[in-house]
Amino acid sequence: MWQLKKLGLSLSETGKLLAMLEATCRVEIVTPATMHRALDIAGLYGLSWYDSLIVAAALDAGCDTLYTEDLQHGQVIDGKLTVFNPFPD
């Protein structure tokens, strides 16, 4: 059976989680402007393309905190977005 590795969820449980997130969270569309911002972020901070897209989308959405284990905990991007690792070692 397929599972979402980090949380140990089945496909069915993952679908339920996704539905709950869609019902409670605002969904942002990635625009060409977001992609250009991501390119700038990748160049400035040395992030991968996908990490830069996530950061750019968070900034475009007006977020002040980005929860991820893939970036440096406590890093502040563009003076507005603070990275928080919810899975500390």
PDB file of N, CA and C in Angstrom:
ATOM      1  N   MET A   1       0.836  -1.181   0.000  1.00  0.00           N
ATOM      2  CA  MET A   1       0.000   0.000   0.000  1.00  0.00           C
ATOM      3  C   MET A   1       0.880   1.244   0.000  1.00  0.00           C
ATOM      4  N   TRP A   2       0.528   2.212  -0.832  1.00  0.00           N
ATOM      5  CA  TRP A   2       1.275   3.460  -0.931  1.00  0.00           C
ATOM      6  C   TRP A   2       1.025   4.294   0.309  1.00  0.00           C
ATOM      7  N   GLN A   3       2.068   4.964   0.814  1.00  0.00           N
ATOM      8  CA  GLN A   3       1.908   5.851   1.963  1.00  0.00           C
ATOM      9  C   GLN A   3       2.649   7.156   1.736  1.00  0.00           C
ATOM     10  N   LEU A   4       2.109   8.209   2.312  1.00  0.00           N
ATOM     11  CA  LEU A   4       2.805   9.484   2.374  1.00  0.00           C
ATOM     12  C   LEU A   4       3.891   9.306   3.429  1.00  0.00           C
ATOM     13  N   LYS A   5       5.146   9.282   3.018  1.00  0.00           N
ATOM     14  CA  LYS A   5       6.259   8.861   3.868  1.00  0.00           C
ATOM     15  C   LYS A   5       6.357   9.608   5.190  1.00  0.00           C
ATOM     16  N   LYS A   6       6.388  10.919   5.163  1.00  0.00           N
ATOM     17  CA  LYS A   6       6.624  11.695   6.380  1.00  0.00           C
ATOM     18  C   LYS A   6       5.569  11.442   7.449  1.00  0.00           C
ATOM     19  N   LEU A   7       4.321  11.380   7.038  1.00  0.00           N
ATOM     20  CA  LEU A   7       3.234  11.238   8.007  1.00  0.00           C
ATOM     21  C   LEU A   7       2.708   9.812   8.114  1.00  0.00           C
ATOM     22  N   GLY A   8       3.166   8.915   7.250  1.00  0.00           N
ATOM     23  CA  GLY A   8       2.702   7.536   7.291  1.00  0.00           C
ATOM     24  C   GLY A   8       1.227   7.396   6.935  1.00  0.00           C
ATOM     25  N   LEU A   9       0.728   8.234   6.021  1.00  0.00           N
ATOM     26  CA  LEU A   9      -0.685   8.209   5.641  1.00  0.00           C
ATOM     27  C   LEU A   9      -0.895   7.382   4.377  1.00  0.00           C
ATOM     28  N   SER A  10      -2.021   6.702   4.313  1.00  0.00           N
ATOM     29  CA  SER A  10      -2.407   5.986   3.096  1.00  0.00           C
ATOM     30  C   SER A  10      -2.910   6.991   2.062  1.00  0.00           C
ATOM     31  N   LEU A  11      -3.136   6.538   0.837  1.00  0.00           N
ATOM     32  CA  LEU A  11      -3.695   7.426  -0.193  1.00  0.00           C
ATOM     33  C   LEU A  11      -5.048   7.976   0.239  1.00  0.00           C
ATOM     34  N   SER A  12      -5.887   7.133   0.823  1.00  0.00           N
ATOM     35  CA  SER A  12      -7.203   7.570   1.277  1.00  0.00           C
ATOM     36  C   SER A  12      -7.085   8.637   2.361  1.00  0.00           C
ATOM     37  N   GLU A  13      -6.200   8.403   3.322  1.00  0.00           N
ATOM     38  CA  GLU A  13      -5.998   9.380   4.396  1.00  0.00           C
ATOM     39  C   GLU A  13      -5.395  10.668   3.847  1.00  0.00           C
ATOM     40  N   THR A  14      -4.505  10.539   2.874  1.00  0.00           N
ATOM     41  CA  THR A  14      -3.899  11.709   2.245  1.00  0.00           C
ATOM     42  C   THR A  14      -4.972  12.521   1.521  1.00  0.00           C
ATOM     43  N   GLY A  15      -5.892  11.845   0.848  1.00  0.00           N
ATOM     44  CA  GLY A  15      -6.997  12.533   0.170  1.00  0.00           C
ATOM     45  C   GLY A  15      -7.864  13.304   1.146  1.00  0.00           C
ATOM     46  N   LYS A  16      -8.144  12.723   2.300  1.00  0.00           N
ATOM     47  CA  LYS A  16      -8.942  13.403   3.327  1.00  0.00           C
ATOM     48  C   LYS A  16      -8.200  14.624   3.871  1.00  0.00           C
ATOM     49  N   LEU A  17      -6.891  14.470   4.082  1.00  0.00           N
ATOM     50  CA  LEU A  17      -6.084  15.589   4.550  1.00  0.00           C
ATOM     51  C   LEU A  17      -6.082  16.712   3.517  1.00  0.00           C
ATOM     52  N   LEU A  18      -5.922  16.364   2.249  1.00  0.00           N
ATOM     53  CA  LEU A  18      -5.933  17.354   1.185  1.00  0.00           C
ATOM     54  C   LEU A  18      -7.263  18.100   1.137  1.00  0.00           C
ATOM     55  N   ALA A  19      -8.369  17.382   1.252  1.00  0.00           N
ATOM     56  CA  ALA A  19      -9.703  18.016   1.242  1.00  0.00           C
ATOM     57  C   ALA A  19      -9.850  18.987   2.411  1.00  0.00           C
ATOM     58  N   MET A  20      -9.339  18.600   3.582  1.00  0.00           N
ATOM     59  CA  MET A  20      -9.411  19.473   4.754  1.00  0.00           C
ATOM     60  C   MET A  20      -8.567  20.730   4.532  1.00  0.00           C
ATOM     61  N   LEU A  21      -7.378  20.553   3.967  1.00  0.00           N
ATOM     62  CA  LEU A  21      -6.523  21.711   3.706  1.00  0.00           C
ATOM     63  C   LEU A  21      -7.159  22.652   2.690  1.00  0.00           C
ATOM     64  N   GLU A  22      -7.763  22.098   1.647  1.00  0.00           N
ATOM     65  CA  GLU A  22      -8.424  22.921   0.632  1.00  0.00           C
ATOM     66  C   GLU A  22      -9.595  23.690   1.218  1.00  0.00           C
ATOM     67  N   ALA A  23     -10.269  23.099   2.202  1.00  0.00           N
ATOM     68  CA  ALA A  23     -11.430  23.746   2.812  1.00  0.00           C
ATOM     69  C   ALA A  23     -11.023  24.834   3.814  1.00  0.00           C
ATOM     70  N   THR A  24      -9.829  24.723   4.370  1.00  0.00           N
ATOM     71  CA  THR A  24      -9.444  25.647   5.434  1.00  0.00           C
ATOM     72  C   THR A  24      -8.326  26.614   5.061  1.00  0.00           C
ATOM     73  N   CYS A  25      -7.657  26.379   3.939  1.00  0.00           N
ATOM     74  CA  CYS A  25      -6.523  27.217   3.545  1.00  0.00           C
ATOM     75  C   CYS A  25      -6.800  27.932   2.233  1.00  0.00           C
ATOM     76  N   ARG A  26      -6.226  29.107   2.102  1.00  0.00           N
ATOM     77  CA  ARG A  26      -6.332  29.839   0.848  1.00  0.00           C
ATOM     78  C   ARG A  26      -5.355  29.229  -0.154  1.00  0.00           C
ATOM     79  N   VAL A  27      -5.808  28.986  -1.359  1.00  0.00           N
ATOM     80  CA  VAL A  27      -4.960  28.422  -2.412  1.00  0.00           C
ATOM     81  C   VAL A  27      -4.477  29.572  -3.298  1.00  0.00           C
ATOM     82  N   GLU A  28      -3.168  29.622  -3.513  1.00  0.00           N
ATOM     83  CA  GLU A  28      -2.569  30.667  -4.346  1.00  0.00           C
ATOM     84  C   GLU A  28      -2.172  30.082  -5.696  1.00  0.00           C
ATOM     85  N   ILE A  29      -2.395  30.842  -6.735  1.00  0.00           N
ATOM     86  CA  ILE A  29      -2.034  30.435  -8.093  1.00  0.00           C
ATOM     87  C   ILE A  29      -0.639  30.962  -8.408  1.00  0.00           C
ATOM     88  N   VAL A  30       0.203  30.114  -8.996  1.00  0.00           N
ATOM     89  CA  VAL A  30       1.530  30.539  -9.423  1.00  0.00           C
ATOM     90  C   VAL A  30       1.378  31.261 -10.759  1.00  0.00           C
ATOM     91  N   THR A  31       1.783  32.515 -10.766  1.00  0.00           N
ATOM     92  CA  THR A  31       1.673  33.355 -11.966  1.00  0.00           C
ATOM     93  C   THR A  31       3.063  33.545 -12.587  1.00  0.00           C
ATOM     94  N   PRO A  32       3.108  34.095 -13.798  1.00  0.00           N
ATOM     95  CA  PRO A  32       4.423  34.427 -14.361  1.00  0.00           C
ATOM     96  C   PRO A  32       5.223  35.363 -13.448  1.00  0.00           C
ATOM     97  N   ALA A  33       4.544  36.299 -12.786  1.00  0.00           N
ATOM     98  CA  ALA A  33       5.242  37.203 -11.864  1.00  0.00           C
ATOM     99  C   ALA A  33       5.852  36.424 -10.699  1.00  0.00           C
ATOM    100  N   THR A  34       5.142  35.401 -10.221  1.00  0.00           N
ATOM    101  CA  THR A  34       5.670  34.554  -9.155  1.00  0.00           C
ATOM    102  C   THR A  34       6.926  33.833  -9.632  1.00  0.00           C
ATOM    103  N   MET A  35       6.904  33.348 -10.857  1.00  0.00           N
ATOM    104  CA  MET A  35       8.064  32.635 -11.397  1.00  0.00           C
ATOM    105  C   MET A  35       9.269  33.558 -11.552  1.00  0.00           C
ATOM    106  N   HIS A  36       9.034  34.805 -11.974  1.00  0.00           N
ATOM    107  CA  HIS A  36      10.137  35.764 -12.083  1.00  0.00           C
ATOM    108  C   HIS A  36      10.696  36.096 -10.703  1.00  0.00           C
ATOM    109  N   ARG A  37       9.819  36.239  -9.744  1.00  0.00           N
ATOM    110  CA  ARG A  37      10.268  36.484  -8.368  1.00  0.00           C
ATOM    111  C   ARG A  37      11.087  35.292  -7.871  1.00  0.00           C
ATOM    112  N   ALA A  38      10.651  34.076  -8.210  1.00  0.00           N
ATOM    113  CA  ALA A  38      11.392  32.870  -7.819  1.00  0.00           C
ATOM    114  C   ALA A  38      12.793  32.863  -8.414  1.00  0.00           C
ATOM    115  N   LEU A  39      12.928  33.294  -9.657  1.00  0.00           N
ATOM    116  CA  LEU A  39      14.255  33.384 -10.274  1.00  0.00           C
ATOM    117  C   LEU A  39      15.153  34.348  -9.503  1.00  0.00           C
ATOM    118  N   ASP A  40      14.590  35.488  -9.116  1.00  0.00           N
ATOM    119  CA  ASP A  40      15.361  36.462  -8.335  1.00  0.00           C
ATOM    120  C   ASP A  40      15.779  35.861  -6.993  1.00  0.00           C
ATOM    121  N   ILE A  41      14.856  35.170  -6.339  1.00  0.00           N
ATOM    122  CA  ILE A  41      15.133  34.559  -5.035  1.00  0.00           C
ATOM    123  C   ILE A  41      16.206  33.482  -5.169  1.00  0.00           C
ATOM    124  N   ALA A  42      16.117  32.670  -6.219  1.00  0.00           N
ATOM    125  CA  ALA A  42      17.121  31.625  -6.437  1.00  0.00           C
ATOM    126  C   ALA A  42      18.503  32.243  -6.574  1.00  0.00           C
ATOM    127  N   GLY A  43      18.600  33.341  -7.304  1.00  0.00           N
ATOM    128  CA  GLY A  43      19.875  34.008  -7.492  1.00  0.00           C
ATOM    129  C   GLY A  43      20.401  34.655  -6.222  1.00  0.00           C
ATOM    130  N   LEU A  44      19.514  35.278  -5.459  1.00  0.00           N
ATOM    131  CA  LEU A  44      19.924  35.986  -4.243  1.00  0.00           C
ATOM    132  C   LEU A  44      20.286  35.044  -3.095  1.00  0.00           C
ATOM    133  N   TYR A  45      19.524  33.958  -2.962  1.00  0.00           N
ATOM    134  CA  TYR A  45      19.675  33.097  -1.783  1.00  0.00           C
ATOM    135  C   TYR A  45      20.268  31.726  -2.098  1.00  0.00           C
ATOM    136  N   GLY A  46      20.520  31.454  -3.384  1.00  0.00           N
ATOM    137  CA  GLY A  46      21.109  30.170  -3.755  1.00  0.00           C
ATOM    138  C   GLY A  46      20.192  28.983  -3.514  1.00  0.00           C
ATOM    139  N   LEU A  47      18.884  29.206  -3.594  1.00  0.00           N
ATOM    140  CA  LEU A  47      17.910  28.130  -3.375  1.00  0.00           C
ATOM    141  C   LEU A  47      17.640  27.389  -4.679  1.00  0.00           C
ATOM    142  N   SER A  48      17.137  26.167  -4.561  1.00  0.00           N
ATOM    143  CA  SER A  48      16.727  25.414  -5.744  1.00  0.00           C
ATOM    144  C   SER A  48      15.512  26.096  -6.374  1.00  0.00           C
ATOM    145  N   TRP A  49      15.230  25.712  -7.609  1.00  0.00           N
ATOM    146  CA  TRP A  49      14.078  26.276  -8.320  1.00  0.00           C
ATOM    147  C   TRP A  49      12.780  26.036  -7.545  1.00  0.00           C
ATOM    148  N   TYR A  50      12.556  24.801  -7.101  1.00  0.00           N
ATOM    149  CA  TYR A  50      11.299  24.478  -6.419  1.00  0.00           C
ATOM    150  C   TYR A  50      11.196  25.180  -5.077  1.00  0.00           C
ATOM    151  N   ASP A  51      12.281  25.233  -4.318  1.00  0.00           N
ATOM    152  CA  ASP A  51      12.260  25.968  -3.051  1.00  0.00           C
ATOM    153  C   ASP A  51      12.009  27.448  -3.303  1.00  0.00           C
ATOM    154  N   SER A  52      12.613  27.981  -4.353  1.00  0.00           N
ATOM    155  CA  SER A  52      12.408  29.392  -4.698  1.00  0.00           C
ATOM    156  C   SER A  52      10.964  29.673  -5.080  1.00  0.00           C
ATOM    157  N   LEU A  53      10.326  28.738  -5.792  1.00  0.00           N
ATOM    158  CA  LEU A  53       8.901  28.908  -6.134  1.00  0.00           C
ATOM    159  C   LEU A  53       8.029  28.922  -4.885  1.00  0.00           C
ATOM    160  N   ILE A  54       8.330  28.041  -3.952  1.00  0.00           N
ATOM    161  CA  ILE A  54       7.568  27.993  -2.698  1.00  0.00           C
ATOM    162  C   ILE A  54       7.737  29.305  -1.938  1.00  0.00           C
ATOM    163  N   VAL A  55       8.967  29.780  -1.845  1.00  0.00           N
ATOM    164  CA  VAL A  55       9.245  31.033  -1.145  1.00  0.00           C
ATOM    165  C   VAL A  55       8.546  32.198  -1.850  1.00  0.00           C
ATOM    166  N   ALA A  56       8.647  32.264  -3.169  1.00  0.00           N
ATOM    167  CA  ALA A  56       8.012  33.351  -3.920  1.00  0.00           C
ATOM    168  C   ALA A  56       6.495  33.329  -3.740  1.00  0.00           C
ATOM    169  N   ALA A  57       5.895  32.149  -3.783  1.00  0.00           N
ATOM    170  CA  ALA A  57       4.438  32.043  -3.592  1.00  0.00           C
ATOM    171  C   ALA A  57       4.049  32.486  -2.184  1.00  0.00           C
ATOM    172  N   ALA A  58       4.845  32.121  -1.197  1.00  0.00           N
ATOM    173  CA  ALA A  58       4.562  32.533   0.184  1.00  0.00           C
ATOM    174  C   ALA A  58       4.660  34.050   0.317  1.00  0.00           C
ATOM    175  N   LEU A  59       5.686  34.634  -0.286  1.00  0.00           N
ATOM    176  CA  LEU A  59       5.820  36.095  -0.248  1.00  0.00           C
ATOM    177  C   LEU A  59       4.662  36.774  -0.966  1.00  0.00           C
ATOM    178  N   ASP A  60       4.300  36.274  -2.144  1.00  0.00           N
ATOM    179  CA  ASP A  60       3.178  36.851  -2.900  1.00  0.00           C
ATOM    180  C   ASP A  60       1.873  36.767  -2.116  1.00  0.00           C
ATOM    181  N   ALA A  61       1.732  35.722  -1.311  1.00  0.00           N
ATOM    182  CA  ALA A  61       0.508  35.536  -0.515  1.00  0.00           C
ATOM    183  C   ALA A  61       0.519  36.359   0.766  1.00  0.00           C
ATOM    184  N   GLY A  62       1.651  37.023   1.049  1.00  0.00           N
ATOM    185  CA  GLY A  62       1.729  37.864   2.242  1.00  0.00           C
ATOM    186  C   GLY A  62       2.048  37.094   3.516  1.00  0.00           C
ATOM    187  N   CYS A  63       2.572  35.896   3.371  1.00  0.00           N
ATOM    188  CA  CYS A  63       2.920  35.089   4.547  1.00  0.00           C
ATOM    189  C   CYS A  63       4.118  35.707   5.260  1.00  0.00           C
ATOM    190  N   ASP A  64       4.164  35.522   6.575  1.00  0.00           N
ATOM    191  CA  ASP A  64       5.338  35.964   7.322  1.00  0.00           C
ATOM    192  C   ASP A  64       6.153  34.794   7.863  1.00  0.00           C
ATOM    193  N   THR A  65       5.588  33.573   7.819  1.00  0.00           N
ATOM    194  CA  THR A  65       6.281  32.367   8.265  1.00  0.00           C
ATOM    195  C   THR A  65       6.104  31.274   7.227  1.00  0.00           C
ATOM    196  N   LEU A  66       7.212  30.578   6.922  1.00  0.00           N
ATOM    197  CA  LEU A  66       7.182  29.435   6.015  1.00  0.00           C
ATOM    198  C   LEU A  66       7.642  28.213   6.799  1.00  0.00           C
ATOM    199  N   TYR A  67       6.761  27.237   6.953  1.00  0.00           N
ATOM    200  CA  TYR A  67       7.077  26.010   7.674  1.00  0.00           C
ATOM    201  C   TYR A  67       7.650  24.992   6.697  1.00  0.00           C
ATOM    202  N   THR A  68       8.928  24.657   6.872  1.00  0.00           N
ATOM    203  CA  THR A  68       9.593  23.699   6.001  1.00  0.00           C
ATOM    204  C   THR A  68      10.831  23.163   6.703  1.00  0.00           C
ATOM    205  N   GLU A  69      11.166  21.927   6.392  1.00  0.00           N
ATOM    206  CA  GLU A  69      12.413  21.370   6.912  1.00  0.00           C
ATOM    207  C   GLU A  69      13.520  21.450   5.876  1.00  0.00           C
ATOM    208  N   ASP A  70      13.204  22.004   4.710  1.00  0.00           N
ATOM    209  CA  ASP A  70      14.149  22.020   3.605  1.00  0.00           C
ATOM    210  C   ASP A  70      15.005  23.273   3.513  1.00  0.00           C
ATOM    211  N   LEU A  71      14.694  24.280   4.301  1.00  0.00           N
ATOM    212  CA  LEU A  71      15.472  25.518   4.288  1.00  0.00           C
ATOM    213  C   LEU A  71      16.053  25.760   5.679  1.00  0.00           C
ATOM    214  N   GLN A  72      16.902  26.763   5.790  1.00  0.00           N
ATOM    215  CA  GLN A  72      17.590  27.040   7.052  1.00  0.00           C
ATOM    216  C   GLN A  72      16.629  27.646   8.070  1.00  0.00           C
ATOM    217  N   HIS A  73      16.459  26.946   9.194  1.00  0.00           N
ATOM    218  CA  HIS A  73      15.582  27.416  10.275  1.00  0.00           C
ATOM    219  C   HIS A  73      16.025  28.814  10.724  1.00  0.00           C
ATOM    220  N   GLY A  74      15.071  29.728  10.813  1.00  0.00           N
ATOM    221  CA  GLY A  74      15.350  31.083  11.273  1.00  0.00           C
ATOM    222  C   GLY A  74      15.764  32.048  10.180  1.00  0.00           C
ATOM    223  N   GLN A  75      16.027  31.544   8.984  1.00  0.00           N
ATOM    224  CA  GLN A  75      16.412  32.419   7.876  1.00  0.00           C
ATOM    225  C   GLN A  75      15.270  33.369   7.557  1.00  0.00           C
ATOM    226  N   VAL A  76      15.602  34.630   7.313  1.00  0.00           N
ATOM    227  CA  VAL A  76      14.603  35.625   6.926  1.00  0.00           C
ATOM    228  C   VAL A  76      14.860  35.983   5.466  1.00  0.00           C
ATOM    229  N   ILE A  77      13.824  35.874   4.660  1.00  0.00           N
ATOM    230  CA  ILE A  77      13.932  36.126   3.223  1.00  0.00           C
ATOM    231  C   ILE A  77      13.178  37.400   2.878  1.00  0.00           C
ATOM    232  N   ASP A  78      13.840  38.269   2.141  1.00  0.00           N
ATOM    233  CA  ASP A  78      13.293  39.578   1.739  1.00  0.00           C
ATOM    234  C   ASP A  78      12.870  40.422   2.939  1.00  0.00           C
ATOM    235  N   GLY A  79      13.419  40.143   4.101  1.00  0.00           N
ATOM    236  CA  GLY A  79      13.084  40.908   5.301  1.00  0.00           C
ATOM    237  C   GLY A  79      11.650  40.718   5.761  1.00  0.00           C
ATOM    238  N   LYS A  80      10.958  39.702   5.185  1.00  0.00           N
ATOM    239  CA  LYS A  80       9.529  39.535   5.458  1.00  0.00           C
ATOM    240  C   LYS A  80       9.135  38.124   5.855  1.00  0.00           C
ATOM    241  N   LEU A  81       9.833  37.135   5.331  1.00  0.00           N
ATOM    242  CA  LEU A  81       9.414  35.736   5.484  1.00  0.00           C
ATOM    243  C   LEU A  81      10.441  34.974   6.307  1.00  0.00           C
ATOM    244  N   THR A  82      10.011  34.439   7.458  1.00  0.00           N
ATOM    245  CA  THR A  82      10.902  33.695   8.331  1.00  0.00           C
ATOM    246  C   THR A  82      10.674  32.203   8.147  1.00  0.00           C
ATOM    247  N   VAL A  83      11.755  31.472   7.958  1.00  0.00           N
ATOM    248  CA  VAL A  83      11.695  30.012   7.787  1.00  0.00           C
ATOM    249  C   VAL A  83      11.640  29.365   9.163  1.00  0.00           C
ATOM    250  N   PHE A  84      10.711  28.436   9.340  1.00  0.00           N
ATOM    251  CA  PHE A  84      10.556  27.705  10.601  1.00  0.00           C
ATOM    252  C   PHE A  84      10.528  26.209  10.294  1.00  0.00           C
ATOM    253  N   ASN A  85      11.443  25.461  10.916  1.00  0.00           N
ATOM    254  CA  ASN A  85      11.483  24.001  10.740  1.00  0.00           C
ATOM    255  C   ASN A  85      10.611  23.359  11.815  1.00  0.00           C
ATOM    256  N   PRO A  86       9.468  22.765  11.433  1.00  0.00           N
ATOM    257  CA  PRO A  86       8.592  22.144  12.423  1.00  0.00           C
ATOM    258  C   PRO A  86       9.088  20.774  12.893  1.00  0.00           C
ATOM    259  N   PHE A  87      10.162  20.289  12.283  1.00  0.00           N
ATOM    260  CA  PHE A  87      10.716  18.976  12.624  1.00  0.00           C
ATOM    261  C   PHE A  87      12.167  19.126  13.087  1.00  0.00           C
ATOM    262  N   PRO A  88      12.402  19.802  14.207  1.00  0.00           N
ATOM    263  CA  PRO A  88      13.789  19.997  14.639  1.00  0.00           C
ATOM    264  C   PRO A  88      14.458  18.672  14.985  1.00  0.00           C
ATOM    265  N   ASP A  89      15.757  18.645  14.836  1.00  0.00           N
ATOM    266  CA  ASP A  89      16.517  17.422  15.123  1.00  0.00           C
ATOM    267  C   ASP A  89      16.492  17.072  16.592  1.00  0.00           C
TER     268      ASP A  89
END
